Amino acid sequence: MELEVKAWLFDILQAIQVIDMCIAPGTTYSSFERDRRTQLAVERSIEKIGEAMRRILDQDPAIVITNARRIVQTRNKIIHEYDAINLTFLGGYANGTSRCCERRWKLC
């Protein structure tokens, strides 16, 4: 595996860790909804994950990463359709990213 690809994978891991810090166990959707700083950190982390994934796929199209294209599409949606992004989408995506699809939100 190329050094650049390893670096991008590391960037993805770090972005997931940021989301993990922002969406700690016990975090409610209501608290996420009120915390603009957390929203922005999660949004930026998702953008980084998508951009790193795009670069990986450009560098090595044969690499197999589950849902890689969907991850890039999500990044593109946030970047290019930012006015259509709602908190439910952002929070749900972050939750699935950081918790490997385990449901952690405590909806109020």
Protein backbone atom coordinates (compact mmCIF):
# COMPACT_ATOMS: atom_id res chain seq x y z
CA MET A 1 0.00 0.00 0.00
CA GLU A 2 1.34 3.41 -0.98
CA LEU A 3 2.46 5.82 1.73
CA GLU A 4 -0.11 8.43 0.60
CA VAL A 5 -2.96 5.93 0.93
CA LYS A 6 -1.80 5.04 4.44
CA ALA A 7 -1.70 8.75 5.32
CA TRP A 8 -5.26 9.25 4.03
CA LEU A 9 -6.47 6.23 5.96
CA PHE A 10 -4.88 7.75 9.06
CA ASP A 11 -6.67 11.04 8.32
CA ILE A 12 -9.96 9.12 8.17
CA LEU A 13 -9.22 7.47 11.50
CA GLN A 14 -8.44 10.83 13.11
CA ALA A 15 -11.65 12.37 11.75
CA ILE A 16 -13.65 9.45 13.15
CA GLN A 17 -11.97 10.01 16.51
CA VAL A 18 -13.01 13.68 16.43
CA ILE A 19 -16.59 12.61 15.77
CA ASP A 20 -16.29 10.13 18.63
CA MET A 21 -15.19 12.94 20.96
CA CYS A 22 -18.09 15.11 19.82
CA ILE A 23 -20.77 12.42 19.96
CA ALA A 24 -19.90 10.80 23.27
CA PRO A 25 -22.07 8.01 24.70
CA GLY A 26 -25.09 9.58 26.32
CA THR A 27 -25.21 12.50 23.90
CA THR A 28 -28.78 13.26 22.97
CA TYR A 29 -30.02 14.55 19.66
CA SER A 30 -31.43 17.51 21.57
CA SER A 31 -27.99 18.46 22.92
CA PHE A 32 -26.44 18.01 19.46
CA GLU A 33 -29.14 20.24 18.01
CA ARG A 34 -28.26 23.06 20.45
CA ASP A 35 -24.47 22.82 20.08
CA ARG A 36 -23.36 24.62 16.92
CA ARG A 37 -19.66 24.01 17.66
CA THR A 38 -20.22 20.26 17.75
CA GLN A 39 -22.28 20.40 14.57
CA LEU A 40 -19.48 22.21 12.75
CA ALA A 41 -16.81 19.82 14.05
CA VAL A 42 -18.84 16.81 12.94
CA GLU A 43 -19.56 18.37 9.56
CA ARG A 44 -15.88 19.17 8.98
CA SER A 45 -14.85 15.67 10.02
CA ILE A 46 -17.31 14.10 7.58
CA GLU A 47 -15.92 16.34 4.83
CA LYS A 48 -12.38 15.19 5.66
CA ILE A 49 -13.40 11.54 5.62
CA GLY A 50 -15.04 11.93 2.22
CA GLU A 51 -12.15 13.85 0.70
CA ALA A 52 -9.58 11.36 1.98
CA MET A 53 -11.71 8.51 0.63
CA ARG A 54 -11.94 10.22 -2.78
CA ARG A 55 -8.17 10.57 -2.89
CA ILE A 56 -7.69 6.92 -1.96
CA LEU A 57 -10.04 5.80 -4.73
CA ASP A 58 -8.32 8.09 -7.25
CA GLN A 59 -4.90 6.77 -6.26
CA ASP A 60 -5.89 3.09 -6.17
CA PRO A 61 -9.25 2.31 -7.82
CA ALA A 62 -8.80 -1.39 -7.03
CA ILE A 63 -8.85 -0.82 -3.28
CA VAL A 64 -11.95 -2.26 -1.61
CA ILE A 65 -13.53 -0.17 1.15
CA THR A 66 -17.14 -0.80 2.10
CA ASN A 67 -19.43 2.07 1.04
CA ALA A 68 -16.49 4.11 -0.29
CA ARG A 69 -18.51 5.76 -3.06
CA ARG A 70 -21.37 6.59 -0.66
CA ILE A 71 -18.88 8.22 1.70
CA VAL A 72 -17.55 10.40 -1.13
CA GLN A 73 -21.11 11.23 -2.21
CA THR A 74 -21.93 12.30 1.33
CA ARG A 75 -18.92 14.63 1.34
CA ASN A 76 -20.04 16.05 -2.00
CA LYS A 77 -23.55 16.62 -0.69
CA ILE A 78 -22.24 18.52 2.33
CA ILE A 79 -19.87 20.61 0.19
CA HIS A 80 -22.13 21.34 -2.78
CA GLU A 81 -25.61 21.13 -1.26
CA TYR A 82 -24.83 22.59 2.15
CA ASP A 83 -28.19 24.36 2.30
CA ALA A 84 -30.01 21.03 2.00
CA ILE A 85 -28.19 19.38 4.93
CA ASN A 86 -30.24 19.06 8.09
CA LEU A 87 -29.16 18.15 11.59
CA THR A 88 -30.92 14.78 11.52
CA PHE A 89 -28.86 13.78 8.49
CA LEU A 90 -25.63 15.11 9.96
CA GLY A 91 -26.16 13.57 13.38
CA GLY A 92 -27.28 10.24 11.97
CA TYR A 93 -24.30 10.03 9.65
CA ALA A 94 -21.90 10.98 12.42
CA ASN A 95 -23.46 8.40 14.70
CA GLY A 96 -23.07 5.65 12.12
CA THR A 97 -19.53 6.70 11.31
CA SER A 98 -18.19 6.92 14.82
CA ARG A 99 -20.04 3.97 16.32
CA CYS A 100 -19.78 1.53 13.42
CA CYS A 101 -23.54 1.74 12.91
CA GLU A 102 -24.49 1.10 16.52
CA ARG A 103 -27.45 3.24 17.51
CA ARG A 104 -26.23 5.60 20.24
CA TRP A 105 -28.60 8.59 20.05
CA LYS A 106 -31.02 8.96 22.88
CA LEU A 107 -33.79 10.80 21.06
CA CYS A 108 -35.80 13.20 23.18
